[in-house]
């Protein structure tokens, strides 16, 4: 869906239309992640729990098992 709308990845911040946000559940245990901050090349380091709390990100299992 993202590629159809934006022709690439999408920052979860400041989107023109409301879009669902998903987060791989295994990264929720990390102390900090880098996420796109709204413009190309701009990364924001945040606690991954912020994605759930502020963005309403839904934890999913999408990573491949080793």
PDB file of N, CA and C in Angstrom:
ATOM      1  N   UNK A   1       0.819  -1.184   0.000  1.00  0.00           N
ATOM      2  CA  UNK A   1       0.000   0.000   0.000  1.00  0.00           C
ATOM      3  C   UNK A   1       0.868   1.254   0.000  1.00  0.00           C
ATOM      4  N   UNK A   2       1.917   1.270   0.805  1.00  0.00           N
ATOM      5  CA  UNK A   2       2.768   2.461   0.879  1.00  0.00           C
ATOM      6  C   UNK A   2       3.360   2.785  -0.480  1.00  0.00           C
ATOM      7  N   UNK A   3       3.881   1.793  -1.164  1.00  0.00           N
ATOM      8  CA  UNK A   3       4.515   2.042  -2.456  1.00  0.00           C
ATOM      9  C   UNK A   3       3.499   2.589  -3.457  1.00  0.00           C
ATOM     10  N   UNK A   4       2.282   2.118  -3.420  1.00  0.00           N
ATOM     11  CA  UNK A   4       1.255   2.597  -4.340  1.00  0.00           C
ATOM     12  C   UNK A   4       0.936   4.067  -4.088  1.00  0.00           C
ATOM     13  N   UNK A   5       0.947   4.474  -2.829  1.00  0.00           N
ATOM     14  CA  UNK A   5       0.596   5.851  -2.475  1.00  0.00           C
ATOM     15  C   UNK A   5       1.774   6.795  -2.629  1.00  0.00           C
ATOM     16  N   UNK A   6       2.977   6.363  -2.223  1.00  0.00           N
ATOM     17  CA  UNK A   6       4.108   7.287  -2.132  1.00  0.00           C
ATOM     18  C   UNK A   6       5.261   6.983  -3.072  1.00  0.00           C
ATOM     19  N   UNK A   7       5.234   5.866  -3.755  1.00  0.00           N
ATOM     20  CA  UNK A   7       6.340   5.432  -4.620  1.00  0.00           C
ATOM     21  C   UNK A   7       7.599   5.100  -3.818  1.00  0.00           C
ATOM     22  N   UNK A   8       7.454   4.756  -2.535  1.00  0.00           N
ATOM     23  CA  UNK A   8       8.588   4.402  -1.686  1.00  0.00           C
ATOM     24  C   UNK A   8       8.179   4.317  -0.241  1.00  0.00           C
ATOM     25  N   UNK A   9       9.144   4.389   0.655  1.00  0.00           N
ATOM     26  CA  UNK A   9       8.864   4.329   2.081  1.00  0.00           C
ATOM     27  C   UNK A   9       8.205   5.608   2.577  1.00  0.00           C
ATOM     28  N   UNK A  10       7.585   5.508   3.737  1.00  0.00           N
ATOM     29  CA  UNK A  10       6.873   6.650   4.299  1.00  0.00           C
ATOM     30  C   UNK A  10       7.235   6.833   5.758  1.00  0.00           C
ATOM     31  N   UNK A  11       7.546   8.050   6.150  1.00  0.00           N
ATOM     32  CA  UNK A  11       7.752   8.364   7.551  1.00  0.00           C
ATOM     33  C   UNK A  11       6.400   8.298   8.250  1.00  0.00           C
ATOM     34  N   UNK A  12       6.361   7.815   9.490  1.00  0.00           N
ATOM     35  CA  UNK A  12       5.094   7.802  10.205  1.00  0.00           C
ATOM     36  C   UNK A  12       4.702   9.177  10.735  1.00  0.00           C
ATOM     37  N   UNK A  13       5.567  10.163  10.586  1.00  0.00           N
ATOM     38  CA  UNK A  13       5.309  11.514  11.091  1.00  0.00           C
ATOM     39  C   UNK A  13       4.801  12.431   9.987  1.00  0.00           C
ATOM     40  N   UNK A  14       3.771  13.202  10.272  1.00  0.00           N
ATOM     41  CA  UNK A  14       3.312  14.258   9.376  1.00  0.00           C
ATOM     42  C   UNK A  14       2.788  13.801   8.029  1.00  0.00           C
ATOM     43  N   UNK A  15       2.100  12.672   7.978  1.00  0.00           N
ATOM     44  CA  UNK A  15       1.553  12.224   6.697  1.00  0.00           C
ATOM     45  C   UNK A  15       0.324  13.050   6.331  1.00  0.00           C
ATOM     46  N   UNK A  16       0.099  13.212   5.052  1.00  0.00           N
ATOM     47  CA  UNK A  16      -1.044  14.007   4.578  1.00  0.00           C
ATOM     48  C   UNK A  16      -2.361  13.321   4.876  1.00  0.00           C
ATOM     49  N   UNK A  17      -2.356  12.006   4.778  1.00  0.00           N
ATOM     50  CA  UNK A  17      -3.560  11.257   5.127  1.00  0.00           C
ATOM     51  C   UNK A  17      -3.220  10.226   6.185  1.00  0.00           C
ATOM     52  N   UNK A  18      -4.219   9.877   6.951  1.00  0.00           N
ATOM     53  CA  UNK A  18      -4.009   8.908   8.018  1.00  0.00           C
ATOM     54  C   UNK A  18      -3.675   7.546   7.419  1.00  0.00           C
ATOM     55  N   UNK A  19      -2.586   6.970   7.887  1.00  0.00           N
ATOM     56  CA  UNK A  19      -2.156   5.650   7.420  1.00  0.00           C
ATOM     57  C   UNK A  19      -1.874   4.787   8.636  1.00  0.00           C
ATOM     58  N   UNK A  20      -2.113   3.491   8.522  1.00  0.00           N
ATOM     59  CA  UNK A  20      -1.774   2.612   9.643  1.00  0.00           C
ATOM     60  C   UNK A  20      -0.255   2.524   9.794  1.00  0.00           C
ATOM     61  N   UNK A  21       0.210   2.385  11.031  1.00  0.00           N
ATOM     62  CA  UNK A  21       1.634   2.243  11.313  1.00  0.00           C
ATOM     63  C   UNK A  21       1.829   0.886  11.986  1.00  0.00           C
ATOM     64  N   UNK A  22       2.764   0.098  11.463  1.00  0.00           N
ATOM     65  CA  UNK A  22       3.078  -1.215  12.022  1.00  0.00           C
ATOM     66  C   UNK A  22       4.534  -1.217  12.458  1.00  0.00           C
ATOM     67  N   UNK A  23       4.832  -1.994  13.497  1.00  0.00           N
ATOM     68  CA  UNK A  23       6.200  -2.087  13.998  1.00  0.00           C
ATOM     69  C   UNK A  23       6.507  -3.543  14.319  1.00  0.00           C
ATOM     70  N   UNK A  24       7.668  -4.003  13.890  1.00  0.00           N
ATOM     71  CA  UNK A  24       8.094  -5.376  14.202  1.00  0.00           C
ATOM     72  C   UNK A  24       8.216  -5.496  15.716  1.00  0.00           C
ATOM     73  N   UNK A  25       7.497  -6.442  16.285  1.00  0.00           N
ATOM     74  CA  UNK A  25       7.421  -6.521  17.752  1.00  0.00           C
ATOM     75  C   UNK A  25       8.759  -6.791  18.429  1.00  0.00           C
ATOM     76  N   UNK A  26       9.692  -7.444  17.747  1.00  0.00           N
ATOM     77  CA  UNK A  26      10.972  -7.756  18.392  1.00  0.00           C
ATOM     78  C   UNK A  26      11.824  -6.509  18.647  1.00  0.00           C
ATOM     79  N   UNK A  27      11.603  -5.427  17.908  1.00  0.00           N
ATOM     80  CA  UNK A  27      12.413  -4.225  18.145  1.00  0.00           C
ATOM     81  C   UNK A  27      11.896  -3.411  19.325  1.00  0.00           C
ATOM     82  N   UNK A  28      10.731  -3.773  19.832  1.00  0.00           N
ATOM     83  CA  UNK A  28      10.185  -3.036  20.973  1.00  0.00           C
ATOM     84  C   UNK A  28      11.017  -3.221  22.242  1.00  0.00           C
ATOM     85  N   UNK A  29      11.883  -4.226  22.260  1.00  0.00           N
ATOM     86  CA  UNK A  29      12.749  -4.451  23.425  1.00  0.00           C
ATOM     87  C   UNK A  29      14.060  -3.675  23.331  1.00  0.00           C
ATOM     88  N   UNK A  30      14.337  -3.073  22.188  1.00  0.00           N
ATOM     89  CA  UNK A  30      15.575  -2.306  22.019  1.00  0.00           C
ATOM     90  C   UNK A  30      15.463  -0.967  22.741  1.00  0.00           C
ATOM     91  N   UNK A  31      16.587  -0.441  23.218  1.00  0.00           N
ATOM     92  CA  UNK A  31      16.545   0.838  23.922  1.00  0.00           C
ATOM     93  C   UNK A  31      16.321   2.033  22.988  1.00  0.00           C
ATOM     94  N   UNK A  32      16.726   1.891  21.719  1.00  0.00           N
ATOM     95  CA  UNK A  32      16.637   3.021  20.791  1.00  0.00           C
ATOM     96  C   UNK A  32      16.652   2.507  19.353  1.00  0.00           C
ATOM     97  N   UNK A  33      15.868   3.138  18.489  1.00  0.00           N
ATOM     98  CA  UNK A  33      15.874   2.823  17.066  1.00  0.00           C
ATOM     99  C   UNK A  33      16.016   4.118  16.279  1.00  0.00           C
ATOM    100  N   UNK A  34      16.415   4.004  15.015  1.00  0.00           N
ATOM    101  CA  UNK A  34      16.468   5.149  14.111  1.00  0.00           C
ATOM    102  C   UNK A  34      15.287   5.028  13.158  1.00  0.00           C
ATOM    103  N   UNK A  35      14.538   6.115  13.012  1.00  0.00           N
ATOM    104  CA  UNK A  35      13.347   6.110  12.172  1.00  0.00           C
ATOM    105  C   UNK A  35      13.341   7.383  11.341  1.00  0.00           C
ATOM    106  N   UNK A  36      12.767   7.308  10.150  1.00  0.00           N
ATOM    107  CA  UNK A  36      12.702   8.468   9.273  1.00  0.00           C
ATOM    108  C   UNK A  36      11.934   9.589   9.953  1.00  0.00           C
ATOM    109  N   UNK A  37      12.526  10.770   9.965  1.00  0.00           N
ATOM    110  CA  UNK A  37      11.937  11.905  10.663  1.00  0.00           C
ATOM    111  C   UNK A  37      11.084  12.812   9.811  1.00  0.00           C
ATOM    112  N   UNK A  38      10.769  12.439   8.590  1.00  0.00           N
ATOM    113  CA  UNK A  38       9.852  13.244   7.790  1.00  0.00           C
ATOM    114  C   UNK A  38      10.423  13.837   6.527  1.00  0.00           C
ATOM    115  N   UNK A  39      11.739  13.737   6.352  1.00  0.00           N
ATOM    116  CA  UNK A  39      12.326  14.179   5.088  1.00  0.00           C
ATOM    117  C   UNK A  39      13.522  13.283   4.778  1.00  0.00           C
ATOM    118  N   UNK A  40      13.871  13.209   3.541  1.00  0.00           N
ATOM    119  CA  UNK A  40      14.930  12.309   3.084  1.00  0.00           C
ATOM    120  C   UNK A  40      16.241  12.574   3.822  1.00  0.00           C
ATOM    121  N   UNK A  41      16.809  11.505   4.374  1.00  0.00           N
ATOM    122  CA  UNK A  41      18.086  11.610   5.065  1.00  0.00           C
ATOM    123  C   UNK A  41      18.019  12.089   6.496  1.00  0.00           C
ATOM    124  N   UNK A  42      16.829  12.373   7.006  1.00  0.00           N
ATOM    125  CA  UNK A  42      16.677  12.874   8.372  1.00  0.00           C
ATOM    126  C   UNK A  42      16.200  11.736   9.261  1.00  0.00           C
ATOM    127  N   UNK A  43      17.084  11.237  10.112  1.00  0.00           N
ATOM    128  CA  UNK A  43      16.760  10.136  11.006  1.00  0.00           C
ATOM    129  C   UNK A  43      16.619  10.635  12.436  1.00  0.00           C
ATOM    130  N   UNK A  44      15.678  10.064  13.148  1.00  0.00           N
ATOM    131  CA  UNK A  44      15.431  10.421  14.536  1.00  0.00           C
ATOM    132  C   UNK A  44      15.668   9.187  15.387  1.00  0.00           C
ATOM    133  N   UNK A  45      16.486   9.310  16.427  1.00  0.00           N
ATOM    134  CA  UNK A  45      16.718   8.213  17.359  1.00  0.00           C
ATOM    135  C   UNK A  45      15.710   8.301  18.495  1.00  0.00           C
ATOM    136  N   UNK A  46      14.879   7.267  18.649  1.00  0.00           N
ATOM    137  CA  UNK A  46      13.848   7.277  19.681  1.00  0.00           C
ATOM    138  C   UNK A  46      13.708   5.905  20.333  1.00  0.00           C
ATOM    139  N   UNK A  47      13.114   5.887  21.494  1.00  0.00           N
ATOM    140  CA  UNK A  47      12.711   4.638  22.146  1.00  0.00           C
ATOM    141  C   UNK A  47      11.583   4.058  21.286  1.00  0.00           C
ATOM    142  N   UNK A  48      11.651   2.792  20.882  1.00  0.00           N
ATOM    143  CA  UNK A  48      10.612   2.242  20.015  1.00  0.00           C
ATOM    144  C   UNK A  48       9.207   2.259  20.626  1.00  0.00           C
ATOM    145  N   UNK A  49       9.116   2.322  21.949  1.00  0.00           N
ATOM    146  CA  UNK A  49       7.802   2.393  22.594  1.00  0.00           C
ATOM    147  C   UNK A  49       7.064   3.679  22.221  1.00  0.00           C
ATOM    148  N   UNK A  50       7.808   4.712  21.827  1.00  0.00           N
ATOM    149  CA  UNK A  50       7.200   5.973  21.407  1.00  0.00           C
ATOM    150  C   UNK A  50       6.322   5.739  20.172  1.00  0.00           C
ATOM    151  N   UNK A  51       6.746   4.840  19.306  1.00  0.00           N
ATOM    152  CA  UNK A  51       5.952   4.543  18.106  1.00  0.00           C
ATOM    153  C   UNK A  51       4.579   3.996  18.480  1.00  0.00           C
ATOM    154  N   UNK A  52       4.543   3.184  19.502  1.00  0.00           N
ATOM    155  CA  UNK A  52       3.270   2.613  19.954  1.00  0.00           C
ATOM    156  C   UNK A  52       2.444   3.666  20.681  1.00  0.00           C
ATOM    157  N   UNK A  53       3.090   4.399  21.569  1.00  0.00           N
ATOM    158  CA  UNK A  53       2.378   5.368  22.410  1.00  0.00           C
ATOM    159  C   UNK A  53       1.869   6.579  21.632  1.00  0.00           C
ATOM    160  N   UNK A  54       2.704   7.168  20.790  1.00  0.00           N
ATOM    161  CA  UNK A  54       2.326   8.406  20.113  1.00  0.00           C
ATOM    162  C   UNK A  54       1.742   8.210  18.716  1.00  0.00           C
ATOM    163  N   UNK A  55       2.208   7.170  18.029  1.00  0.00           N
ATOM    164  CA  UNK A  55       1.762   6.958  16.657  1.00  0.00           C
ATOM    165  C   UNK A  55       0.693   5.880  16.543  1.00  0.00           C
ATOM    166  N   UNK A  56       0.467   5.152  17.640  1.00  0.00           N
ATOM    167  CA  UNK A  56      -0.517   4.066  17.602  1.00  0.00           C
ATOM    168  C   UNK A  56      -0.053   2.894  16.763  1.00  0.00           C
ATOM    169  N   UNK A  57       1.276   2.712  16.670  1.00  0.00           N
ATOM    170  CA  UNK A  57       1.817   1.611  15.870  1.00  0.00           C
ATOM    171  C   UNK A  57       1.361   0.266  16.437  1.00  0.00           C
ATOM    172  N   UNK A  58       0.974  -0.614  15.528  1.00  0.00           N
ATOM    173  CA  UNK A  58       0.512  -1.943  15.914  1.00  0.00           C
ATOM    174  C   UNK A  58       1.687  -2.923  15.798  1.00  0.00           C
ATOM    175  N   UNK A  59       2.073  -3.596  16.906  1.00  0.00           N
ATOM    176  CA  UNK A  59       3.140  -4.595  16.834  1.00  0.00           C
ATOM    177  C   UNK A  59       2.722  -5.792  15.988  1.00  0.00           C
ATOM    178  N   UNK A  60       3.609  -6.209  15.095  1.00  0.00           N
ATOM    179  CA  UNK A  60       3.349  -7.363  14.222  1.00  0.00           C
ATOM    180  C   UNK A  60       4.590  -8.245  14.173  1.00  0.00           C
ATOM    181  N   UNK A  61       4.405  -9.471  13.727  1.00  0.00           N
ATOM    182  CA  UNK A  61       5.510 -10.402  13.532  1.00  0.00           C
ATOM    183  C   UNK A  61       5.745 -10.521  12.028  1.00  0.00           C
ATOM    184  N   UNK A  62       6.747  -9.810  11.539  1.00  0.00           N
ATOM    185  CA  UNK A  62       7.022  -9.851  10.094  1.00  0.00           C
ATOM    186  C   UNK A  62       8.476 -10.225   9.792  1.00  0.00           C
ATOM    187  N   UNK A  63       9.333 -10.302  10.817  1.00  0.00           N
ATOM    188  CA  UNK A  63      10.737 -10.656  10.603  1.00  0.00           C
ATOM    189  C   UNK A  63      10.851 -12.152  10.329  1.00  0.00           C
ATOM    190  N   UNK A  64      11.832 -12.508   9.533  1.00  0.00           N
ATOM    191  CA  UNK A  64      12.072 -13.913   9.238  1.00  0.00           C
ATOM    192  C   UNK A  64      12.851 -14.563  10.374  1.00  0.00           C
ATOM    193  N   UNK A  65      12.500 -15.789  10.694  1.00  0.00           N
ATOM    194  CA  UNK A  65      13.229 -16.524  11.730  1.00  0.00           C
ATOM    195  C   UNK A  65      14.575 -16.951  11.150  1.00  0.00           C
ATOM    196  N   UNK A  66      15.576 -17.024  12.011  1.00  0.00           N
ATOM    197  CA  UNK A  66      16.916 -17.431  11.562  1.00  0.00           C
ATOM    198  C   UNK A  66      16.962 -18.917  11.354  1.00  0.00           C
TER     199      UNK A  66
END
